[in-house]
Amino acid sequence: MIEETTPQRSGLAARTEQANRVLQLLRPAMEADGGGVVLARIEGGRVDVRLKGMCLDCPSAPMTLKHGIERTLKMHLPWVTEVRRVDTPCENATVTHQIHT
């Protein structure tokens, strides 16, 4: 399990660091398939991520999000309650796709 906090970091900064460390565990497998994932934002227990590369149009992306990314984040970080995919087609517009189980 990823450490909950370090003495010098707490709150959103600590959660961002923790989530990025967990996502780093997933990146090699995703990159091997031509894809990737980046942390977009954290709001409470919700983690928003952007998929990259081949993951953008992959028909397996919802499964990757739910059973790969979300499951791994929840396993390592008990504060994570939900993971959502966000896509930003341009700087001023955000489209959010909620994946339901």
C-alpha atoms as a PDB file:
ATOM      1  CA  MET A   1       0.000   0.000   0.000  1.00  0.00           C
ATOM      2  CA  ILE A   2       1.198   3.525  -0.798  1.00  0.00           C
ATOM      3  CA  GLU A   3       1.847   5.612   2.319  1.00  0.00           C
ATOM      4  CA  GLU A   4      -1.165   7.687   3.356  1.00  0.00           C
ATOM      5  CA  THR A   5       0.870  10.848   4.061  1.00  0.00           C
ATOM      6  CA  THR A   6       4.369  11.970   4.781  1.00  0.00           C
ATOM      7  CA  PRO A   7       5.071  14.454   7.581  1.00  0.00           C
ATOM      8  CA  GLN A   8       5.859  17.321   5.208  1.00  0.00           C
ATOM      9  CA  ARG A   9       2.972  16.705   2.772  1.00  0.00           C
ATOM     10  CA  SER A  10      -0.723  16.535   3.494  1.00  0.00           C
ATOM     11  CA  GLY A  11      -4.053  17.241   1.897  1.00  0.00           C
ATOM     12  CA  LEU A  12      -4.372  17.570  -1.858  1.00  0.00           C
ATOM     13  CA  ALA A  13      -0.607  17.687  -2.466  1.00  0.00           C
ATOM     14  CA  ALA A  14      -0.128  14.365  -0.676  1.00  0.00           C
ATOM     15  CA  ARG A  15      -3.062  12.766  -2.480  1.00  0.00           C
ATOM     16  CA  THR A  16      -1.752  13.970  -5.831  1.00  0.00           C
ATOM     17  CA  GLU A  17       1.659  12.512  -5.080  1.00  0.00           C
ATOM     18  CA  GLN A  18       0.132   9.212  -3.924  1.00  0.00           C
ATOM     19  CA  ALA A  19      -2.142   8.892  -6.968  1.00  0.00           C
ATOM     20  CA  ASN A  20       0.729   9.648  -9.332  1.00  0.00           C
ATOM     21  CA  ARG A  21       2.860   6.962  -7.683  1.00  0.00           C
ATOM     22  CA  VAL A  22       0.106   4.378  -8.164  1.00  0.00           C
ATOM     23  CA  LEU A  23      -0.493   5.450 -11.777  1.00  0.00           C
ATOM     24  CA  GLN A  24       3.231   5.050 -12.378  1.00  0.00           C
ATOM     25  CA  LEU A  25       2.816   1.356 -11.541  1.00  0.00           C
ATOM     26  CA  LEU A  26       0.289   1.030 -14.386  1.00  0.00           C
ATOM     27  CA  ARG A  27       2.056   3.093 -17.038  1.00  0.00           C
ATOM     28  CA  PRO A  28       4.557   0.497 -18.312  1.00  0.00           C
ATOM     29  CA  ALA A  29       1.813  -1.976 -19.286  1.00  0.00           C
ATOM     30  CA  MET A  30      -0.309   0.748 -20.862  1.00  0.00           C
ATOM     31  CA  GLU A  31       2.643   2.228 -22.744  1.00  0.00           C
ATOM     32  CA  ALA A  32       3.590  -1.224 -24.045  1.00  0.00           C
ATOM     33  CA  ASP A  33       0.219  -1.222 -25.821  1.00  0.00           C
ATOM     34  CA  GLY A  34       0.691   2.329 -27.143  1.00  0.00           C
ATOM     35  CA  GLY A  35      -1.458   4.020 -24.515  1.00  0.00           C
ATOM     36  CA  GLY A  36      -1.062   5.868 -21.288  1.00  0.00           C
ATOM     37  CA  VAL A  37      -2.754   7.595 -18.382  1.00  0.00           C
ATOM     38  CA  VAL A  38      -2.251  10.949 -16.656  1.00  0.00           C
ATOM     39  CA  LEU A  39      -3.795  12.372 -13.524  1.00  0.00           C
ATOM     40  CA  ALA A  40      -6.191  15.196 -14.398  1.00  0.00           C
ATOM     41  CA  ARG A  41      -7.502  16.201 -10.961  1.00  0.00           C
ATOM     42  CA  ILE A  42      -8.549  15.005  -7.534  1.00  0.00           C
ATOM     43  CA  GLU A  43     -11.714  16.190  -5.874  1.00  0.00           C
ATOM     44  CA  GLY A  44     -12.404  14.612  -2.497  1.00  0.00           C
ATOM     45  CA  GLY A  45     -12.213  10.864  -3.101  1.00  0.00           C
ATOM     46  CA  ARG A  46     -12.762  11.174  -6.848  1.00  0.00           C
ATOM     47  CA  VAL A  47      -9.772  10.820  -9.148  1.00  0.00           C
ATOM     48  CA  ASP A  48     -10.109  12.054 -12.732  1.00  0.00           C
ATOM     49  CA  VAL A  49      -7.673  10.693 -15.308  1.00  0.00           C
ATOM     50  CA  ARG A  50      -6.976  11.279 -18.996  1.00  0.00           C
ATOM     51  CA  LEU A  51      -6.218   8.337 -21.207  1.00  0.00           C
ATOM     52  CA  LYS A  52      -3.617   8.871 -23.917  1.00  0.00           C
ATOM     53  CA  GLY A  53      -2.498   7.350 -27.183  1.00  0.00           C
ATOM     54  CA  MET A  54      -4.140   4.124 -28.284  1.00  0.00           C
ATOM     55  CA  CYS A  55      -6.271   4.106 -25.116  1.00  0.00           C
ATOM     56  CA  LEU A  56      -8.313   7.039 -26.431  1.00  0.00           C
ATOM     57  CA  ASP A  57     -10.229   4.996 -29.007  1.00  0.00           C
ATOM     58  CA  CYS A  58      -9.695   1.515 -27.625  1.00  0.00           C
ATOM     59  CA  PRO A  59     -12.898  -0.489 -27.115  1.00  0.00           C
ATOM     60  CA  SER A  60     -11.339  -1.916 -23.935  1.00  0.00           C
ATOM     61  CA  ALA A  61     -10.801   1.540 -22.377  1.00  0.00           C
ATOM     62  CA  PRO A  62     -13.834   1.283 -20.048  1.00  0.00           C
ATOM     63  CA  MET A  63     -12.545  -2.049 -18.735  1.00  0.00           C
ATOM     64  CA  THR A  64      -9.032  -0.637 -18.335  1.00  0.00           C
ATOM     65  CA  LEU A  65     -10.461   2.301 -16.425  1.00  0.00           C
ATOM     66  CA  LYS A  66     -12.686   0.300 -14.097  1.00  0.00           C
ATOM     67  CA  HIS A  67     -10.846  -2.971 -13.589  1.00  0.00           C
ATOM     68  CA  GLY A  68      -7.291  -1.736 -14.022  1.00  0.00           C
ATOM     69  CA  ILE A  69      -6.900   1.897 -13.009  1.00  0.00           C
ATOM     70  CA  GLU A  70      -9.741   2.250 -10.493  1.00  0.00           C
ATOM     71  CA  ARG A  71      -9.173  -1.123  -8.848  1.00  0.00           C
ATOM     72  CA  THR A  72      -5.448  -0.459  -8.455  1.00  0.00           C
ATOM     73  CA  LEU A  73      -5.957   3.042  -7.069  1.00  0.00           C
ATOM     74  CA  LYS A  74      -8.543   1.792  -4.562  1.00  0.00           C
ATOM     75  CA  MET A  75      -6.325  -1.117  -3.543  1.00  0.00           C
ATOM     76  CA  HIS A  76      -3.398   1.198  -2.714  1.00  0.00           C
ATOM     77  CA  LEU A  77      -5.268   4.314  -1.581  1.00  0.00           C
ATOM     78  CA  PRO A  78      -8.265   3.769   0.719  1.00  0.00           C
ATOM     79  CA  TRP A  79      -9.432   7.362   0.268  1.00  0.00           C
ATOM     80  CA  VAL A  80     -10.225   6.796  -3.452  1.00  0.00           C
ATOM     81  CA  THR A  81     -13.969   6.328  -3.932  1.00  0.00           C
ATOM     82  CA  GLU A  82     -14.335   6.792  -7.692  1.00  0.00           C
ATOM     83  CA  VAL A  83     -12.223   7.121 -10.829  1.00  0.00           C
ATOM     84  CA  ARG A  84     -13.530   8.945 -13.876  1.00  0.00           C
ATOM     85  CA  ARG A  85     -12.197   9.458 -17.355  1.00  0.00           C
ATOM     86  CA  VAL A  86     -12.053  13.024 -18.589  1.00  0.00           C
ATOM     87  CA  ASP A  87     -11.186  14.126 -22.084  1.00  0.00           C
ATOM     88  CA  THR A  88     -10.253  17.673 -22.955  1.00  0.00           C
ATOM     89  CA  PRO A  89     -10.655  18.356 -26.680  1.00  0.00           C
ATOM     90  CA  CYS A  90      -9.502  21.964 -26.191  1.00  0.00           C
ATOM     91  CA  GLU A  91      -8.322  24.107 -23.294  1.00  0.00           C
ATOM     92  CA  ASN A  92     -11.702  25.699 -22.577  1.00  0.00           C
ATOM     93  CA  ALA A  93     -13.976  22.654 -22.811  1.00  0.00           C
ATOM     94  CA  THR A  94     -14.092  19.556 -20.667  1.00  0.00           C
ATOM     95  CA  VAL A  95     -16.201  16.524 -21.447  1.00  0.00           C
ATOM     96  CA  THR A  96     -16.563  14.009 -18.629  1.00  0.00           C
ATOM     97  CA  HIS A  97     -17.475  10.378 -19.178  1.00  0.00           C
ATOM     98  CA  GLN A  98     -18.738   8.576 -16.098  1.00  0.00           C
ATOM     99  CA  ILE A  99     -18.206   4.828 -16.233  1.00  0.00           C
ATOM    100  CA  HIS A 100     -20.916   2.924 -14.330  1.00  0.00           C
ATOM    101  CA  THR A 101     -20.695  -0.628 -13.083  1.00  0.00           C
END
